[in-house]
Amino acid sequence: MNTLSGRNGHTITTSSRETAVEFVIDAIESTGAATRHDFDIDRIVATVHALAEDWDFNTLQPATFWRVASSFIKA
């Protein structure tokens, strides 16, 4: 995760591919129903990045994120 120091010592986190991967893994594993090994994380990240046109995946609607993620469940 990339961090910068802002005014008054506040930490600013910049979005990057690494933070996007962390976001996807956290979202998938947060339900407790699946793990990162059940999904093609790289393809989810690439697809969501193309849709969001940003590494900050919080800008995407949750339903859109899950629709993409469900497309990349490993068999």
PDB file of N, CA and C in Angstrom:
ATOM      1  N   MET A   1       0.840  -1.159   0.000  1.00  0.00           N
ATOM      2  CA  MET A   1       0.000   0.000   0.000  1.00  0.00           C
ATOM      3  C   MET A   1       0.891   1.229   0.000  1.00  0.00           C
ATOM      4  N   ASN A   2       0.625   2.157  -0.863  1.00  0.00           N
ATOM      5  CA  ASN A   2       1.409   3.381  -0.923  1.00  0.00           C
ATOM      6  C   ASN A   2       0.819   4.401   0.031  1.00  0.00           C
ATOM      7  N   THR A   3       1.666   5.007   0.834  1.00  0.00           N
ATOM      8  CA  THR A   3       1.192   6.042   1.741  1.00  0.00           C
ATOM      9  C   THR A   3       2.042   7.285   1.592  1.00  0.00           C
ATOM     10  N   LEU A   4       1.408   8.417   1.765  1.00  0.00           N
ATOM     11  CA  LEU A   4       2.074   9.706   1.729  1.00  0.00           C
ATOM     12  C   LEU A   4       1.751  10.427   3.023  1.00  0.00           C
ATOM     13  N   SER A   5       2.606  11.307   3.429  1.00  0.00           N
ATOM     14  CA  SER A   5       2.324  12.127   4.604  1.00  0.00           C
ATOM     15  C   SER A   5       1.648  13.408   4.154  1.00  0.00           C
ATOM     16  N   GLY A   6       0.496  13.674   4.736  1.00  0.00           N
ATOM     17  CA  GLY A   6      -0.228  14.890   4.427  1.00  0.00           C
ATOM     18  C   GLY A   6       0.053  15.948   5.472  1.00  0.00           C
ATOM     19  N   ARG A   7      -0.726  16.997   5.449  1.00  0.00           N
ATOM     20  CA  ARG A   7      -0.585  18.060   6.445  1.00  0.00           C
ATOM     21  C   ARG A   7      -0.823  17.508   7.836  1.00  0.00           C
ATOM     22  N   ASN A   8      -0.153  18.063   8.785  1.00  0.00           N
ATOM     23  CA  ASN A   8      -0.306  17.691  10.188  1.00  0.00           C
ATOM     24  C   ASN A   8       0.009  16.225  10.444  1.00  0.00           C
ATOM     25  N   GLY A   9       0.789  15.608   9.566  1.00  0.00           N
ATOM     26  CA  GLY A   9       1.208  14.234   9.782  1.00  0.00           C
ATOM     27  C   GLY A   9       0.176  13.182   9.447  1.00  0.00           C
ATOM     28  N   HIS A  10      -0.964  13.573   8.879  1.00  0.00           N
ATOM     29  CA  HIS A  10      -1.976  12.593   8.505  1.00  0.00           C
ATOM     30  C   HIS A  10      -1.456  11.719   7.370  1.00  0.00           C
ATOM     31  N   THR A  11      -1.803  10.458   7.414  1.00  0.00           N
ATOM     32  CA  THR A  11      -1.382   9.532   6.373  1.00  0.00           C
ATOM     33  C   THR A  11      -2.410   9.532   5.251  1.00  0.00           C
ATOM     34  N   ILE A  12      -1.936   9.626   4.034  1.00  0.00           N
ATOM     35  CA  ILE A  12      -2.789   9.571   2.856  1.00  0.00           C
ATOM     36  C   ILE A  12      -2.445   8.286   2.114  1.00  0.00           C
ATOM     37  N   THR A  13      -3.438   7.465   1.885  1.00  0.00           N
ATOM     38  CA  THR A  13      -3.215   6.229   1.155  1.00  0.00           C
ATOM     39  C   THR A  13      -3.579   6.455  -0.304  1.00  0.00           C
ATOM     40  N   THR A  14      -2.657   6.160  -1.198  1.00  0.00           N
ATOM     41  CA  THR A  14      -2.942   6.280  -2.617  1.00  0.00           C
ATOM     42  C   THR A  14      -3.335   4.915  -3.147  1.00  0.00           C
ATOM     43  N   SER A  15      -4.234   4.911  -4.091  1.00  0.00           N
ATOM     44  CA  SER A  15      -4.687   3.656  -4.674  1.00  0.00           C
ATOM     45  C   SER A  15      -3.655   3.158  -5.672  1.00  0.00           C
ATOM     46  N   SER A  16      -3.460   1.864  -5.670  1.00  0.00           N
ATOM     47  CA  SER A  16      -2.504   1.231  -6.574  1.00  0.00           C
ATOM     48  C   SER A  16      -3.014  -0.166  -6.885  1.00  0.00           C
ATOM     49  N   ARG A  17      -2.320  -0.850  -7.750  1.00  0.00           N
ATOM     50  CA  ARG A  17      -2.702  -2.232  -8.046  1.00  0.00           C
ATOM     51  C   ARG A  17      -2.667  -3.064  -6.770  1.00  0.00           C
ATOM     52  N   GLU A  18      -1.680  -2.822  -5.932  1.00  0.00           N
ATOM     53  CA  GLU A  18      -1.550  -3.589  -4.690  1.00  0.00           C
ATOM     54  C   GLU A  18      -2.735  -3.350  -3.758  1.00  0.00           C
ATOM     55  N   THR A  19      -3.171  -2.094  -3.641  1.00  0.00           N
ATOM     56  CA  THR A  19      -4.323  -1.825  -2.776  1.00  0.00           C
ATOM     57  C   THR A  19      -5.596  -2.400  -3.381  1.00  0.00           C
ATOM     58  N   ALA A  20      -5.661  -2.443  -4.712  1.00  0.00           N
ATOM     59  CA  ALA A  20      -6.817  -3.037  -5.381  1.00  0.00           C
ATOM     60  C   ALA A  20      -6.880  -4.539  -5.117  1.00  0.00           C
ATOM     61  N   VAL A  21      -5.734  -5.211  -5.175  1.00  0.00           N
ATOM     62  CA  VAL A  21      -5.687  -6.649  -4.878  1.00  0.00           C
ATOM     63  C   VAL A  21      -6.134  -6.882  -3.437  1.00  0.00           C
ATOM     64  N   GLU A  22      -5.636  -6.072  -2.516  1.00  0.00           N
ATOM     65  CA  GLU A  22      -6.038  -6.195  -1.111  1.00  0.00           C
ATOM     66  C   GLU A  22      -7.541  -5.995  -0.955  1.00  0.00           C
ATOM     67  N   PHE A  23      -8.093  -5.021  -1.662  1.00  0.00           N
ATOM     68  CA  PHE A  23      -9.526  -4.746  -1.609  1.00  0.00           C
ATOM     69  C   PHE A  23     -10.322  -5.967  -2.045  1.00  0.00           C
ATOM     70  N   VAL A  24      -9.929  -6.559  -3.174  1.00  0.00           N
ATOM     71  CA  VAL A  24     -10.642  -7.718  -3.714  1.00  0.00           C
ATOM     72  C   VAL A  24     -10.559  -8.898  -2.749  1.00  0.00           C
ATOM     73  N   ILE A  25      -9.379  -9.190  -2.251  1.00  0.00           N
ATOM     74  CA  ILE A  25      -9.214 -10.312  -1.321  1.00  0.00           C
ATOM     75  C   ILE A  25     -10.027 -10.076  -0.052  1.00  0.00           C
ATOM     76  N   ASP A  26      -9.967  -8.874   0.492  1.00  0.00           N
ATOM     77  CA  ASP A  26     -10.742  -8.559   1.699  1.00  0.00           C
ATOM     78  C   ASP A  26     -12.237  -8.729   1.457  1.00  0.00           C
ATOM     79  N   ALA A  27     -12.718  -8.242   0.324  1.00  0.00           N
ATOM     80  CA  ALA A  27     -14.145  -8.345   0.016  1.00  0.00           C
ATOM     81  C   ALA A  27     -14.574  -9.804  -0.102  1.00  0.00           C
ATOM     82  N   ILE A  28     -13.792 -10.598  -0.805  1.00  0.00           N
ATOM     83  CA  ILE A  28     -14.144 -12.002  -1.010  1.00  0.00           C
ATOM     84  C   ILE A  28     -14.091 -12.790   0.294  1.00  0.00           C
ATOM     85  N   GLU A  29     -13.057 -12.569   1.071  1.00  0.00           N
ATOM     86  CA  GLU A  29     -12.894 -13.355   2.292  1.00  0.00           C
ATOM     87  C   GLU A  29     -13.735 -12.824   3.454  1.00  0.00           C
ATOM     88  N   SER A  30     -14.264 -11.621   3.340  1.00  0.00           N
ATOM     89  CA  SER A  30     -15.044 -11.037   4.438  1.00  0.00           C
ATOM     90  C   SER A  30     -16.357 -11.769   4.680  1.00  0.00           C
ATOM     91  N   THR A  31     -16.871 -12.431   3.665  1.00  0.00           N
ATOM     92  CA  THR A  31     -18.138 -13.146   3.832  1.00  0.00           C
ATOM     93  C   THR A  31     -17.949 -14.457   4.580  1.00  0.00           C
ATOM     94  N   GLY A  32     -16.731 -14.986   4.569  1.00  0.00           N
ATOM     95  CA  GLY A  32     -16.466 -16.267   5.209  1.00  0.00           C
ATOM     96  C   GLY A  32     -16.890 -17.454   4.362  1.00  0.00           C
ATOM     97  N   ALA A  33     -17.495 -17.189   3.218  1.00  0.00           N
ATOM     98  CA  ALA A  33     -17.992 -18.262   2.365  1.00  0.00           C
ATOM     99  C   ALA A  33     -16.968 -18.729   1.338  1.00  0.00           C
ATOM    100  N   ALA A  34     -15.921 -17.932   1.125  1.00  0.00           N
ATOM    101  CA  ALA A  34     -14.930 -18.271   0.103  1.00  0.00           C
ATOM    102  C   ALA A  34     -13.577 -17.693   0.501  1.00  0.00           C
ATOM    103  N   THR A  35     -12.550 -18.163  -0.198  1.00  0.00           N
ATOM    104  CA  THR A  35     -11.208 -17.629   0.011  1.00  0.00           C
ATOM    105  C   THR A  35     -10.665 -17.132  -1.319  1.00  0.00           C
ATOM    106  N   ARG A  36      -9.536 -16.471  -1.243  1.00  0.00           N
ATOM    107  CA  ARG A  36      -8.888 -15.951  -2.453  1.00  0.00           C
ATOM    108  C   ARG A  36      -8.563 -17.058  -3.444  1.00  0.00           C
ATOM    109  N   HIS A  37      -8.412 -18.268  -2.959  1.00  0.00           N
ATOM    110  CA  HIS A  37      -8.056 -19.394  -3.822  1.00  0.00           C
ATOM    111  C   HIS A  37      -9.239 -19.894  -4.651  1.00  0.00           C
ATOM    112  N   ASP A  38     -10.441 -19.430  -4.314  1.00  0.00           N
ATOM    113  CA  ASP A  38     -11.643 -19.826  -5.043  1.00  0.00           C
ATOM    114  C   ASP A  38     -11.915 -18.925  -6.246  1.00  0.00           C
ATOM    115  N   PHE A  39     -11.177 -17.829  -6.362  1.00  0.00           N
ATOM    116  CA  PHE A  39     -11.407 -16.841  -7.407  1.00  0.00           C
ATOM    117  C   PHE A  39     -10.113 -16.524  -8.136  1.00  0.00           C
ATOM    118  N   ASP A  40     -10.245 -16.061  -9.379  1.00  0.00           N
ATOM    119  CA  ASP A  40      -9.096 -15.573 -10.140  1.00  0.00           C
ATOM    120  C   ASP A  40      -8.940 -14.081  -9.817  1.00  0.00           C
ATOM    121  N   ILE A  41      -8.181 -13.807  -8.778  1.00  0.00           N
ATOM    122  CA  ILE A  41      -8.034 -12.445  -8.260  1.00  0.00           C
ATOM    123  C   ILE A  41      -7.483 -11.490  -9.324  1.00  0.00           C
ATOM    124  N   ASP A  42      -6.479 -11.919 -10.067  1.00  0.00           N
ATOM    125  CA  ASP A  42      -5.869 -11.042 -11.082  1.00  0.00           C
ATOM    126  C   ASP A  42      -6.876 -10.615 -12.144  1.00  0.00           C
ATOM    127  N   ARG A  43      -7.730 -11.534 -12.560  1.00  0.00           N
ATOM    128  CA  ARG A  43      -8.726 -11.184 -13.582  1.00  0.00           C
ATOM    129  C   ARG A  43      -9.806 -10.272 -13.016  1.00  0.00           C
ATOM    130  N   ILE A  44     -10.171 -10.483 -11.751  1.00  0.00           N
ATOM    131  CA  ILE A  44     -11.134  -9.583 -11.114  1.00  0.00           C
ATOM    132  C   ILE A  44     -10.548  -8.177 -11.049  1.00  0.00           C
ATOM    133  N   VAL A  45      -9.307  -8.081 -10.591  1.00  0.00           N
ATOM    134  CA  VAL A  45      -8.650  -6.774 -10.473  1.00  0.00           C
ATOM    135  C   VAL A  45      -8.575  -6.089 -11.839  1.00  0.00           C
ATOM    136  N   ALA A  46      -8.172  -6.807 -12.857  1.00  0.00           N
ATOM    137  CA  ALA A  46      -8.045  -6.218 -14.195  1.00  0.00           C
ATOM    138  C   ALA A  46      -9.397  -5.734 -14.721  1.00  0.00           C
ATOM    139  N   THR A  47     -10.432  -6.541 -14.532  1.00  0.00           N
ATOM    140  CA  THR A  47     -11.755  -6.183 -15.043  1.00  0.00           C
ATOM    141  C   THR A  47     -12.348  -4.999 -14.292  1.00  0.00           C
ATOM    142  N   VAL A  48     -12.265  -5.035 -12.967  1.00  0.00           N
ATOM    143  CA  VAL A  48     -12.811  -3.930 -12.173  1.00  0.00           C
ATOM    144  C   VAL A  48     -12.027  -2.645 -12.430  1.00  0.00           C
ATOM    145  N   HIS A  49     -10.715  -2.772 -12.604  1.00  0.00           N
ATOM    146  CA  HIS A  49      -9.906  -1.586 -12.919  1.00  0.00           C
ATOM    147  C   HIS A  49     -10.352  -0.971 -14.241  1.00  0.00           C
ATOM    148  N   ALA A  50     -10.631  -1.801 -15.225  1.00  0.00           N
ATOM    149  CA  ALA A  50     -11.092  -1.294 -16.517  1.00  0.00           C
ATOM    150  C   ALA A  50     -12.456  -0.608 -16.387  1.00  0.00           C
ATOM    151  N   LEU A  51     -13.337  -1.168 -15.577  1.00  0.00           N
ATOM    152  CA  LEU A  51     -14.661  -0.571 -15.385  1.00  0.00           C
ATOM    153  C   LEU A  51     -14.593   0.730 -14.588  1.00  0.00           C
ATOM    154  N   ALA A  52     -13.816   0.715 -13.525  1.00  0.00           N
ATOM    155  CA  ALA A  52     -13.734   1.878 -12.638  1.00  0.00           C
ATOM    156  C   ALA A  52     -12.821   2.965 -13.192  1.00  0.00           C
ATOM    157  N   GLU A  53     -11.936   2.579 -14.108  1.00  0.00           N
ATOM    158  CA  GLU A  53     -10.920   3.486 -14.643  1.00  0.00           C
ATOM    159  C   GLU A  53     -10.108   4.113 -13.515  1.00  0.00           C
ATOM    160  N   ASP A  54      -9.886   3.311 -12.473  1.00  0.00           N
ATOM    161  CA  ASP A  54      -9.165   3.782 -11.294  1.00  0.00           C
ATOM    162  C   ASP A  54      -8.775   2.562 -10.476  1.00  0.00           C
ATOM    163  N   TRP A  55      -7.765   2.717  -9.629  1.00  0.00           N
ATOM    164  CA  TRP A  55      -7.394   1.638  -8.714  1.00  0.00           C
ATOM    165  C   TRP A  55      -8.225   1.690  -7.434  1.00  0.00           C
ATOM    166  N   ASP A  56      -8.979   2.763  -7.231  1.00  0.00           N
ATOM    167  CA  ASP A  56      -9.856   2.873  -6.065  1.00  0.00           C
ATOM    168  C   ASP A  56     -11.179   2.201  -6.396  1.00  0.00           C
ATOM    169  N   PHE A  57     -11.328   0.975  -5.945  1.00  0.00           N
ATOM    170  CA  PHE A  57     -12.512   0.199  -6.286  1.00  0.00           C
ATOM    171  C   PHE A  57     -13.733   0.589  -5.464  1.00  0.00           C
ATOM    172  N   ASN A  58     -13.577   1.462  -4.492  1.00  0.00           N
ATOM    173  CA  ASN A  58     -14.717   1.933  -3.708  1.00  0.00           C
ATOM    174  C   ASN A  58     -15.661   2.788  -4.544  1.00  0.00           C
ATOM    175  N   THR A  59     -15.204   3.252  -5.696  1.00  0.00           N
ATOM    176  CA  THR A  59     -16.042   4.075  -6.558  1.00  0.00           C
ATOM    177  C   THR A  59     -17.073   3.240  -7.312  1.00  0.00           C
ATOM    178  N   LEU A  60     -16.886   1.943  -7.353  1.00  0.00           N
ATOM    179  CA  LEU A  60     -17.785   1.039  -8.073  1.00  0.00           C
ATOM    180  C   LEU A  60     -18.938   0.609  -7.173  1.00  0.00           C
ATOM    181  N   GLN A  61     -20.112   0.448  -7.744  1.00  0.00           N
ATOM    182  CA  GLN A  61     -21.253  -0.053  -6.982  1.00  0.00           C
ATOM    183  C   GLN A  61     -20.964  -1.484  -6.523  1.00  0.00           C
ATOM    184  N   PRO A  62     -21.323  -1.827  -5.287  1.00  0.00           N
ATOM    185  CA  PRO A  62     -21.078  -3.187  -4.792  1.00  0.00           C
ATOM    186  C   PRO A  62     -21.670  -4.272  -5.694  1.00  0.00           C
ATOM    187  N   ALA A  63     -22.861  -4.042  -6.225  1.00  0.00           N
ATOM    188  CA  ALA A  63     -23.481  -5.048  -7.096  1.00  0.00           C
ATOM    189  C   ALA A  63     -22.633  -5.296  -8.340  1.00  0.00           C
ATOM    190  N   THR A  64     -22.045  -4.253  -8.869  1.00  0.00           N
ATOM    191  CA  THR A  64     -21.182  -4.398 -10.045  1.00  0.00           C
ATOM    192  C   THR A  64     -19.937  -5.187  -9.689  1.00  0.00           C
ATOM    193  N   PHE A  65     -19.338  -4.854  -8.546  1.00  0.00           N
ATOM    194  CA  PHE A  65     -18.155  -5.593  -8.099  1.00  0.00           C
ATOM    195  C   PHE A  65     -18.468  -7.081  -7.973  1.00  0.00           C
ATOM    196  N   TRP A  66     -19.567  -7.428  -7.311  1.00  0.00           N
ATOM    197  CA  TRP A  66     -19.891  -8.844  -7.092  1.00  0.00           C
ATOM    198  C   TRP A  66     -20.272  -9.553  -8.386  1.00  0.00           C
ATOM    199  N   ARG A  67     -20.867  -8.828  -9.321  1.00  0.00           N
ATOM    200  CA  ARG A  67     -21.175  -9.426 -10.626  1.00  0.00           C
ATOM    201  C   ARG A  67     -19.874  -9.806 -11.331  1.00  0.00           C
ATOM    202  N   VAL A  68     -18.886  -8.930 -11.280  1.00  0.00           N
ATOM    203  CA  VAL A  68     -17.578  -9.229 -11.876  1.00  0.00           C
ATOM    204  C   VAL A  68     -16.928 -10.391 -11.143  1.00  0.00           C
ATOM    205  N   ALA A  69     -16.873 -10.318  -9.826  1.00  0.00           N
ATOM    206  CA  ALA A  69     -16.221 -11.371  -9.035  1.00  0.00           C
ATOM    207  C   ALA A  69     -16.848 -12.733  -9.305  1.00  0.00           C
ATOM    208  N   SER A  70     -18.172 -12.777  -9.399  1.00  0.00           N
ATOM    209  CA  SER A  70     -18.839 -14.068  -9.612  1.00  0.00           C
ATOM    210  C   SER A  70     -18.515 -14.662 -10.976  1.00  0.00           C
ATOM    211  N   SER A  71     -18.065 -13.828 -11.894  1.00  0.00           N
ATOM    212  CA  SER A  71     -17.681 -14.316 -13.225  1.00  0.00           C
ATOM    213  C   SER A  71     -16.334 -15.026 -13.220  1.00  0.00           C
ATOM    214  N   PHE A  72     -15.568 -14.860 -12.146  1.00  0.00           N
ATOM    215  CA  PHE A  72     -14.219 -15.413 -12.101  1.00  0.00           C
ATOM    216  C   PHE A  72     -14.018 -16.400 -10.955  1.00  0.00           C
ATOM    217  N   ILE A  73     -15.078 -17.171 -10.681  1.00  0.00           N
ATOM    218  CA  ILE A  73     -14.958 -18.261  -9.711  1.00  0.00           C
ATOM    219  C   ILE A  73     -14.218 -19.398 -10.404  1.00  0.00           C
ATOM    220  N   LYS A  74     -13.216 -19.931  -9.726  1.00  0.00           N
ATOM    221  CA  LYS A  74     -12.459 -21.050 -10.297  1.00  0.00           C
ATOM    222  C   LYS A  74     -13.290 -22.319 -10.208  1.00  0.00           C
ATOM    223  N   ALA A  75     -13.177 -23.132 -11.233  1.00  0.00           N
ATOM    224  CA  ALA A  75     -13.938 -24.393 -11.271  1.00  0.00           C
ATOM    225  C   ALA A  75     -13.285 -25.457 -10.422  1.00  0.00           C
TER     226      ALA A  75
END
